[in-house]
Amino acid sequence: MKTEYDDEHEDLERPRVEVRSLGPEDLPWVVAIDETHTGRARVEYYRLALERAAKDTGVRISLAAWVEGAPVGFVIARLYYGEFGRPEPAAILDAIGVAESATKQGVGRALLDTLRRHLAAIDVGLIQTEVDWRDRRLVAFFNAAGFALAPRLCLELPFDTRAR
């Protein structure tokens, strides 16, 4: 499935963003975009995520963004039909990335808008994600996209795996 996104309220100079399903063949450029933001080449993480997305026969919620024939962004999400005691389904946004050359061009918005449309089609009305609160650019992006603090605390327990 492929859609074109051209927000009528956006600058007319911006190129059209084509959004389509993300597949295993997209691994090299997904890793490259992510590496520019994280400083790490997370090849195995994305290989597994893209394989999982390709095997999912349901709604496509892992998406790629292209501008003028070049890949410029991605979003990887998955569905949960109840997590941590929540009875309603939710999409978990695992990763989002936009090429530095395509920032401020509506790519992230196009990806999230398409993701929301796909989720609405299956009556899923909640997207959850986690973000490092010190990543001001990402926090600002999610804020502008309408995300808000969740009414839950995220807890973790680090421990020494060598202590047995």
N, C-alpha and C. Protein backbone atom coordinates (compact mmCIF):
# COMPACT_ATOMS: atom_id res chain seq x y z
N MET A 1 0.84 -1.17 0.00
CA MET A 1 0.00 0.00 0.00
C MET A 1 0.88 1.23 0.00
N LYS A 2 0.50 2.20 -0.79
CA LYS A 2 1.30 3.40 -0.87
C LYS A 2 0.36 4.59 -0.92
N THR A 3 0.71 5.64 -0.21
CA THR A 3 -0.10 6.86 -0.23
C THR A 3 0.83 8.04 -0.42
N GLU A 4 0.28 9.10 -0.97
CA GLU A 4 1.06 10.33 -1.08
C GLU A 4 0.52 11.31 -0.07
N TYR A 5 1.39 12.04 0.51
CA TYR A 5 1.03 12.98 1.55
C TYR A 5 1.49 14.37 1.13
N ASP A 6 0.56 15.29 1.11
CA ASP A 6 0.88 16.67 0.77
C ASP A 6 -0.06 17.55 1.58
N ASP A 7 0.37 17.96 2.74
CA ASP A 7 -0.45 18.75 3.65
C ASP A 7 -0.73 20.11 3.03
N GLU A 8 -2.00 20.42 2.83
CA GLU A 8 -2.36 21.68 2.19
C GLU A 8 -1.97 22.90 3.00
N HIS A 9 -1.70 22.71 4.27
CA HIS A 9 -1.31 23.83 5.12
C HIS A 9 0.19 24.02 5.17
N GLU A 10 0.90 23.13 4.52
CA GLU A 10 2.36 23.20 4.54
C GLU A 10 2.86 24.09 3.42
N ASP A 11 4.10 24.43 3.49
CA ASP A 11 4.78 25.22 2.47
C ASP A 11 4.70 24.50 1.13
N LEU A 12 4.25 25.20 0.09
CA LEU A 12 4.10 24.59 -1.22
C LEU A 12 5.43 24.19 -1.85
N GLU A 13 6.52 24.70 -1.32
CA GLU A 13 7.84 24.35 -1.84
C GLU A 13 8.27 22.95 -1.38
N ARG A 14 7.63 22.42 -0.39
CA ARG A 14 8.01 21.11 0.12
C ARG A 14 7.63 20.03 -0.88
N PRO A 15 8.49 19.03 -1.01
CA PRO A 15 8.19 17.94 -1.95
C PRO A 15 7.11 17.02 -1.38
N ARG A 16 6.48 16.28 -2.26
CA ARG A 16 5.50 15.27 -1.82
C ARG A 16 6.22 14.13 -1.13
N VAL A 17 5.61 13.64 -0.07
CA VAL A 17 6.14 12.50 0.66
C VAL A 17 5.28 11.30 0.30
N GLU A 18 5.91 10.26 -0.23
CA GLU A 18 5.22 9.01 -0.53
C GLU A 18 5.45 8.07 0.64
N VAL A 19 4.38 7.50 1.17
CA VAL A 19 4.49 6.58 2.30
C VAL A 19 4.02 5.20 1.83
N ARG A 20 4.83 4.19 2.13
CA ARG A 20 4.52 2.82 1.76
C ARG A 20 4.94 1.90 2.90
N SER A 21 4.63 0.61 2.76
CA SER A 21 5.03 -0.37 3.77
C SER A 21 6.54 -0.51 3.77
N LEU A 22 7.06 -0.77 4.95
CA LEU A 22 8.49 -0.98 5.15
C LEU A 22 8.77 -2.47 5.01
N GLY A 23 9.85 -2.83 4.34
CA GLY A 23 10.17 -4.24 4.15
C GLY A 23 11.64 -4.53 4.42
N PRO A 24 12.00 -5.81 4.43
CA PRO A 24 13.39 -6.20 4.70
C PRO A 24 14.40 -5.57 3.75
N GLU A 25 13.99 -5.29 2.53
CA GLU A 25 14.90 -4.67 1.57
C GLU A 25 15.30 -3.25 1.96
N ASP A 26 14.59 -2.67 2.91
CA ASP A 26 14.87 -1.30 3.36
C ASP A 26 15.92 -1.24 4.46
N LEU A 27 16.41 -2.39 4.90
CA LEU A 27 17.35 -2.46 6.02
C LEU A 27 18.55 -1.51 5.91
N PRO A 28 19.28 -1.46 4.80
CA PRO A 28 20.49 -0.62 4.77
C PRO A 28 20.21 0.86 5.04
N TRP A 29 19.20 1.41 4.40
CA TRP A 29 18.97 2.84 4.62
C TRP A 29 18.31 3.13 5.96
N VAL A 30 17.50 2.21 6.49
CA VAL A 30 16.91 2.39 7.82
C VAL A 30 18.03 2.45 8.86
N VAL A 31 18.98 1.50 8.77
CA VAL A 31 20.12 1.48 9.70
C VAL A 31 20.94 2.76 9.56
N ALA A 32 21.15 3.22 8.34
CA ALA A 32 21.95 4.42 8.11
C ALA A 32 21.28 5.66 8.72
N ILE A 33 19.97 5.81 8.54
CA ILE A 33 19.28 6.96 9.14
C ILE A 33 19.35 6.88 10.65
N ASP A 34 19.07 5.70 11.20
CA ASP A 34 19.12 5.54 12.66
C ASP A 34 20.51 5.84 13.19
N GLU A 35 21.53 5.39 12.49
CA GLU A 35 22.91 5.60 12.96
C GLU A 35 23.28 7.07 13.03
N THR A 36 22.73 7.89 12.13
CA THR A 36 23.03 9.32 12.19
C THR A 36 22.46 9.96 13.46
N HIS A 37 21.41 9.37 14.00
CA HIS A 37 20.79 9.91 15.21
C HIS A 37 21.32 9.29 16.49
N THR A 38 21.67 7.99 16.44
CA THR A 38 22.08 7.29 17.66
C THR A 38 23.58 7.09 17.77
N GLY A 39 24.28 7.17 16.64
CA GLY A 39 25.71 6.92 16.66
C GLY A 39 26.06 5.44 16.66
N ARG A 40 25.05 4.58 16.51
CA ARG A 40 25.28 3.13 16.50
C ARG A 40 24.59 2.50 15.30
N ALA A 41 25.22 1.50 14.72
CA ALA A 41 24.61 0.75 13.62
C ALA A 41 23.88 -0.45 14.22
N ARG A 42 22.58 -0.33 14.41
CA ARG A 42 21.80 -1.39 15.05
C ARG A 42 21.21 -2.33 14.00
N VAL A 43 22.09 -3.01 13.29
CA VAL A 43 21.70 -3.84 12.16
C VAL A 43 20.79 -4.98 12.60
N GLU A 44 21.17 -5.72 13.61
CA GLU A 44 20.38 -6.89 14.04
C GLU A 44 19.00 -6.48 14.55
N TYR A 45 18.93 -5.40 15.32
CA TYR A 45 17.64 -4.91 15.82
C TYR A 45 16.69 -4.63 14.66
N TYR A 46 17.17 -3.88 13.68
CA TYR A 46 16.31 -3.51 12.55
C TYR A 46 16.06 -4.69 11.61
N ARG A 47 17.00 -5.59 11.48
CA ARG A 47 16.77 -6.78 10.65
C ARG A 47 15.58 -7.56 11.20
N LEU A 48 15.58 -7.79 12.50
CA LEU A 48 14.49 -8.53 13.13
C LEU A 48 13.17 -7.76 13.05
N ALA A 49 13.21 -6.46 13.28
CA ALA A 49 11.99 -5.65 13.23
C ALA A 49 11.38 -5.66 11.83
N LEU A 50 12.22 -5.57 10.80
CA LEU A 50 11.71 -5.56 9.43
C LEU A 50 11.20 -6.93 9.01
N GLU A 51 11.85 -7.99 9.47
CA GLU A 51 11.35 -9.34 9.19
C GLU A 51 9.99 -9.54 9.83
N ARG A 52 9.84 -9.09 11.06
CA ARG A 52 8.56 -9.21 11.77
C ARG A 52 7.48 -8.42 11.04
N ALA A 53 7.82 -7.22 10.59
CA ALA A 53 6.84 -6.39 9.88
C ALA A 53 6.41 -7.05 8.57
N ALA A 54 7.33 -7.70 7.87
CA ALA A 54 7.02 -8.35 6.60
C ALA A 54 6.12 -9.57 6.80
N LYS A 55 6.26 -10.26 7.92
CA LYS A 55 5.46 -11.46 8.19
C LYS A 55 4.07 -11.13 8.68
N ASP A 56 3.88 -9.92 9.19
CA ASP A 56 2.58 -9.51 9.71
C ASP A 56 1.60 -9.39 8.55
N THR A 57 0.57 -10.21 8.56
CA THR A 57 -0.39 -10.17 7.46
C THR A 57 -1.52 -9.19 7.73
N GLY A 58 -1.53 -8.58 8.88
CA GLY A 58 -2.57 -7.63 9.21
C GLY A 58 -2.25 -6.25 8.67
N VAL A 59 -2.68 -5.25 9.38
CA VAL A 59 -2.48 -3.88 8.96
C VAL A 59 -1.00 -3.54 8.94
N ARG A 60 -0.58 -2.78 7.97
CA ARG A 60 0.82 -2.37 7.85
C ARG A 60 1.06 -1.15 8.73
N ILE A 61 1.82 -1.35 9.77
CA ILE A 61 2.09 -0.23 10.67
C ILE A 61 3.57 0.10 10.75
N SER A 62 4.37 -0.56 9.94
CA SER A 62 5.78 -0.18 9.80
C SER A 62 5.90 0.40 8.40
N LEU A 63 6.26 1.68 8.36
CA LEU A 63 6.13 2.44 7.13
C LEU A 63 7.43 3.12 6.72
N ALA A 64 7.58 3.33 5.43
CA ALA A 64 8.73 4.02 4.86
C ALA A 64 8.25 5.29 4.17
N ALA A 65 9.06 6.34 4.25
CA ALA A 65 8.75 7.59 3.55
C ALA A 65 9.80 7.83 2.48
N TRP A 66 9.32 8.22 1.32
CA TRP A 66 10.19 8.48 0.17
C TRP A 66 9.87 9.86 -0.38
N VAL A 67 10.89 10.58 -0.79
CA VAL A 67 10.72 11.87 -1.45
C VAL A 67 11.55 11.83 -2.73
N GLU A 68 10.90 12.10 -3.84
CA GLU A 68 11.57 12.13 -5.15
C GLU A 68 12.40 10.87 -5.40
N GLY A 69 11.82 9.72 -5.05
CA GLY A 69 12.47 8.44 -5.32
C GLY A 69 13.54 8.01 -4.34
N ALA A 70 13.76 8.78 -3.28
CA ALA A 70 14.79 8.44 -2.30
C ALA A 70 14.16 8.20 -0.93
N PRO A 71 14.63 7.19 -0.20
CA PRO A 71 14.10 6.94 1.14
C PRO A 71 14.56 8.03 2.11
N VAL A 72 13.62 8.56 2.89
CA VAL A 72 13.96 9.67 3.80
C VAL A 72 13.47 9.46 5.23
N GLY A 73 12.72 8.40 5.48
CA GLY A 73 12.24 8.22 6.84
C GLY A 73 11.50 6.91 7.03
N PHE A 74 11.30 6.55 8.29
CA PHE A 74 10.62 5.31 8.61
C PHE A 74 9.96 5.42 9.98
N VAL A 75 8.98 4.58 10.19
CA VAL A 75 8.38 4.38 11.50
C VAL A 75 8.14 2.88 11.64
N ILE A 76 8.49 2.35 12.81
CA ILE A 76 8.28 0.93 13.10
C ILE A 76 7.41 0.84 14.35
N ALA A 77 6.27 0.19 14.19
CA ALA A 77 5.33 0.05 15.31
C ALA A 77 4.81 -1.38 15.33
N ARG A 78 4.17 -1.73 16.42
CA ARG A 78 3.56 -3.06 16.57
C ARG A 78 2.29 -2.92 17.38
N LEU A 79 1.42 -3.90 17.28
CA LEU A 79 0.15 -3.87 17.98
C LEU A 79 0.20 -4.72 19.25
N TYR A 80 -0.43 -4.21 20.27
CA TYR A 80 -0.65 -4.97 21.50
C TYR A 80 -2.12 -4.89 21.84
N TYR A 81 -2.69 -6.02 22.11
CA TYR A 81 -4.11 -6.05 22.48
C TYR A 81 -4.21 -6.24 23.99
N GLY A 82 -3.65 -5.27 24.70
CA GLY A 82 -3.63 -5.29 26.15
C GLY A 82 -2.21 -5.50 26.62
N GLU A 83 -1.67 -4.52 27.33
CA GLU A 83 -0.32 -4.60 27.85
C GLU A 83 -0.31 -3.96 29.23
N PHE A 84 0.42 -4.53 30.16
CA PHE A 84 0.51 -4.01 31.52
C PHE A 84 -0.87 -3.78 32.12
N GLY A 85 -1.79 -4.70 31.84
CA GLY A 85 -3.11 -4.63 32.44
C GLY A 85 -4.10 -3.72 31.73
N ARG A 86 -3.71 -3.05 30.67
CA ARG A 86 -4.64 -2.19 29.92
C ARG A 86 -5.53 -3.09 29.06
N PRO A 87 -6.83 -2.91 29.13
CA PRO A 87 -7.71 -3.79 28.35
C PRO A 87 -7.83 -3.41 26.87
N GLU A 88 -7.56 -2.16 26.52
CA GLU A 88 -7.74 -1.74 25.14
C GLU A 88 -6.47 -1.92 24.31
N PRO A 89 -6.63 -2.11 23.01
CA PRO A 89 -5.47 -2.28 22.15
C PRO A 89 -4.70 -0.97 21.98
N ALA A 90 -3.43 -1.10 21.69
CA ALA A 90 -2.58 0.08 21.48
C ALA A 90 -1.49 -0.29 20.48
N ALA A 91 -1.01 0.72 19.80
CA ALA A 91 0.16 0.55 18.96
C ALA A 91 1.36 1.05 19.74
N ILE A 92 2.42 0.29 19.69
CA ILE A 92 3.66 0.69 20.34
C ILE A 92 4.61 1.17 19.25
N LEU A 93 4.99 2.41 19.31
CA LEU A 93 5.92 2.98 18.34
C LEU A 93 7.32 2.69 18.84
N ASP A 94 7.99 1.76 18.16
CA ASP A 94 9.32 1.34 18.57
C ASP A 94 10.42 2.25 18.06
N ALA A 95 10.28 2.74 16.85
CA ALA A 95 11.34 3.56 16.26
C ALA A 95 10.77 4.47 15.19
N ILE A 96 11.35 5.65 15.10
CA ILE A 96 11.02 6.58 14.04
C ILE A 96 12.32 7.29 13.67
N GLY A 97 12.52 7.51 12.40
CA GLY A 97 13.73 8.19 11.96
C GLY A 97 13.48 8.95 10.67
N VAL A 98 14.10 10.12 10.58
CA VAL A 98 14.02 10.93 9.37
C VAL A 98 15.45 11.34 9.02
N ALA A 99 15.78 11.22 7.75
CA ALA A 99 17.11 11.61 7.28
C ALA A 99 17.35 13.08 7.59
N GLU A 100 18.56 13.41 8.00
CA GLU A 100 18.89 14.81 8.32
C GLU A 100 18.55 15.73 7.16
N SER A 101 18.75 15.27 5.94
CA SER A 101 18.48 16.09 4.75
C SER A 101 17.00 16.36 4.55
N ALA A 102 16.13 15.62 5.26
CA ALA A 102 14.69 15.76 5.06
C ALA A 102 13.96 16.30 6.28
N THR A 103 14.69 16.75 7.30
CA THR A 103 14.01 17.30 8.47
C THR A 103 13.30 18.59 8.10
N LYS A 104 12.24 18.87 8.82
CA LYS A 104 11.42 20.07 8.63
C LYS A 104 10.72 20.08 7.26
N GLN A 105 10.51 18.90 6.68
CA GLN A 105 9.83 18.80 5.39
C GLN A 105 8.51 18.04 5.50
N GLY A 106 8.04 17.75 6.71
CA GLY A 106 6.77 17.07 6.88
C GLY A 106 6.86 15.55 6.80
N VAL A 107 8.07 14.99 6.78
CA VAL A 107 8.23 13.54 6.65
C VAL A 107 7.71 12.83 7.90
N GLY A 108 8.13 13.28 9.07
CA GLY A 108 7.67 12.66 10.31
C GLY A 108 6.16 12.77 10.46
N ARG A 109 5.61 13.92 10.12
CA ARG A 109 4.16 14.12 10.18
C ARG A 109 3.45 13.17 9.22
N ALA A 110 3.97 13.03 8.00
CA ALA A 110 3.36 12.13 7.02
C ALA A 110 3.36 10.69 7.54
N LEU A 111 4.46 10.28 8.14
CA LEU A 111 4.55 8.92 8.68
C LEU A 111 3.52 8.72 9.80
N LEU A 112 3.46 9.65 10.74
CA LEU A 112 2.52 9.50 11.86
C LEU A 112 1.07 9.59 11.40
N ASP A 113 0.77 10.49 10.46
CA ASP A 113 -0.60 10.60 9.96
C ASP A 113 -1.03 9.31 9.25
N THR A 114 -0.14 8.73 8.46
CA THR A 114 -0.46 7.47 7.78
C THR A 114 -0.62 6.35 8.80
N LEU A 115 0.26 6.30 9.78
CA LEU A 115 0.15 5.31 10.84
C LEU A 115 -1.20 5.43 11.54
N ARG A 116 -1.61 6.65 11.87
CA ARG A 116 -2.91 6.84 12.54
C ARG A 116 -4.07 6.37 11.67
N ARG A 117 -4.02 6.64 10.37
CA ARG A 117 -5.09 6.19 9.47
C ARG A 117 -5.16 4.67 9.43
N HIS A 118 -4.01 4.01 9.36
CA HIS A 118 -3.99 2.55 9.32
C HIS A 118 -4.54 1.97 10.64
N LEU A 119 -4.18 2.58 11.75
CA LEU A 119 -4.66 2.11 13.05
C LEU A 119 -6.15 2.36 13.22
N ALA A 120 -6.62 3.51 12.77
CA ALA A 120 -8.05 3.82 12.88
C ALA A 120 -8.89 2.81 12.10
N ALA A 121 -8.35 2.31 11.00
CA ALA A 121 -9.06 1.33 10.18
C ALA A 121 -9.34 0.04 10.93
N ILE A 122 -8.53 -0.25 11.95
CA ILE A 122 -8.76 -1.46 12.75
C ILE A 122 -9.18 -1.12 14.17
N ASP A 123 -9.65 0.11 14.34
CA ASP A 123 -10.22 0.59 15.60
C ASP A 123 -9.20 0.62 16.75
N VAL A 124 -7.97 0.94 16.43
CA VAL A 124 -6.94 1.14 17.46
C VAL A 124 -6.70 2.64 17.53
N GLY A 125 -6.98 3.22 18.69
CA GLY A 125 -6.93 4.68 18.83
C GLY A 125 -5.89 5.16 19.81
N LEU A 126 -4.83 4.41 20.02
CA LEU A 126 -3.80 4.82 20.97
C LEU A 126 -2.43 4.41 20.45
N ILE A 127 -1.51 5.36 20.44
CA ILE A 127 -0.10 5.07 20.13
C ILE A 127 0.71 5.42 21.37
N GLN A 128 1.56 4.49 21.78
CA GLN A 128 2.43 4.72 22.92
C GLN A 128 3.88 4.60 22.47
N THR A 129 4.76 5.35 23.11
CA THR A 129 6.18 5.24 22.84
C THR A 129 6.94 5.70 24.08
N GLU A 130 8.22 5.48 24.07
CA GLU A 130 9.11 5.98 25.12
C GLU A 130 10.17 6.83 24.45
N VAL A 131 10.62 7.84 25.15
CA VAL A 131 11.65 8.72 24.62
C VAL A 131 12.55 9.16 25.77
N ASP A 132 13.82 9.32 25.48
CA ASP A 132 14.76 9.86 26.46
C ASP A 132 14.40 11.33 26.68
N TRP A 133 14.04 11.69 27.86
CA TRP A 133 13.57 13.06 28.12
C TRP A 133 14.63 14.10 27.83
N ARG A 134 15.91 13.68 27.72
CA ARG A 134 16.98 14.62 27.39
C ARG A 134 17.12 14.85 25.89
N ASP A 135 16.43 14.06 25.07
CA ASP A 135 16.45 14.22 23.61
C ASP A 135 15.43 15.29 23.25
N ARG A 136 15.84 16.52 23.35
CA ARG A 136 14.91 17.65 23.19
C ARG A 136 14.26 17.71 21.82
N ARG A 137 15.01 17.36 20.76
CA ARG A 137 14.42 17.38 19.42
C ARG A 137 13.28 16.37 19.30
N LEU A 138 13.51 15.17 19.80
CA LEU A 138 12.49 14.14 19.70
C LEU A 138 11.30 14.45 20.60
N VAL A 139 11.56 14.94 21.79
CA VAL A 139 10.46 15.33 22.69
C VAL A 139 9.63 16.44 22.03
N ALA A 140 10.29 17.42 21.42
CA ALA A 140 9.58 18.51 20.75
C ALA A 140 8.76 17.99 19.57
N PHE A 141 9.34 17.04 18.81
CA PHE A 141 8.60 16.45 17.69
C PHE A 141 7.34 15.77 18.17
N PHE A 142 7.46 14.91 19.18
CA PHE A 142 6.29 14.19 19.68
C PHE A 142 5.27 15.15 20.29
N ASN A 143 5.73 16.17 20.98
CA ASN A 143 4.82 17.17 21.52
C ASN A 143 4.03 17.85 20.39
N ALA A 144 4.72 18.27 19.34
CA ALA A 144 4.06 18.92 18.21
C ALA A 144 3.09 17.97 17.51
N ALA A 145 3.36 16.67 17.57
CA ALA A 145 2.49 15.68 16.95
C ALA A 145 1.28 15.34 17.81
N GLY A 146 1.21 15.89 19.02
CA GLY A 146 0.05 15.67 19.88
C GLY A 146 0.24 14.66 20.99
N PHE A 147 1.43 14.09 21.11
CA PHE A 147 1.70 13.16 22.20
C PHE A 147 1.74 13.93 23.52
N ALA A 148 1.38 13.26 24.60
CA ALA A 148 1.41 13.85 25.93
C ALA A 148 1.97 12.82 26.91
N LEU A 149 2.34 13.28 28.07
CA LEU A 149 2.82 12.35 29.10
C LEU A 149 1.70 11.37 29.44
N ALA A 150 2.06 10.10 29.55
CA ALA A 150 1.10 9.07 29.90
C ALA A 150 0.86 9.10 31.40
N PRO A 151 -0.31 8.66 31.83
CA PRO A 151 -0.61 8.66 33.27
C PRO A 151 -0.04 7.45 34.00
N ARG A 152 1.09 6.92 33.50
CA ARG A 152 1.73 5.77 34.12
C ARG A 152 3.21 6.06 34.28
N LEU A 153 3.85 5.38 35.18
CA LEU A 153 5.29 5.48 35.34
C LEU A 153 5.95 4.30 34.66
N CYS A 154 7.03 4.56 33.99
CA CYS A 154 7.82 3.50 33.38
C CYS A 154 8.90 3.14 34.39
N LEU A 155 8.92 1.91 34.83
CA LEU A 155 9.88 1.46 35.83
C LEU A 155 10.87 0.48 35.21
N GLU A 156 12.09 0.47 35.73
CA GLU A 156 13.07 -0.51 35.29
C GLU A 156 13.92 -0.93 36.48
N LEU A 157 14.48 -2.11 36.37
CA LEU A 157 15.31 -2.66 37.42
C LEU A 157 16.61 -3.16 36.80
N PRO A 158 17.65 -2.35 36.81
CA PRO A 158 18.94 -2.84 36.32
C PRO A 158 19.56 -3.78 37.35
N PHE A 159 20.20 -4.82 36.88
CA PHE A 159 20.86 -5.76 37.79
C PHE A 159 22.07 -6.36 37.11
N ASP A 160 22.97 -6.85 37.91
CA ASP A 160 24.21 -7.46 37.43
C ASP A 160 23.91 -8.89 36.99
N THR A 161 24.07 -9.16 35.72
CA THR A 161 23.78 -10.50 35.21
C THR A 161 24.83 -11.51 35.60
N ARG A 162 25.97 -11.04 36.09
CA ARG A 162 27.03 -11.96 36.52
C ARG A 162 26.80 -12.48 37.93
N ALA A 163 25.98 -11.78 38.71
CA ALA A 163 25.68 -12.21 40.09
C ALA A 163 24.62 -13.29 40.02
N ARG A 164 24.98 -14.49 40.48
CA ARG A 164 24.02 -15.60 40.42
C ARG A 164 23.81 -16.18 41.76
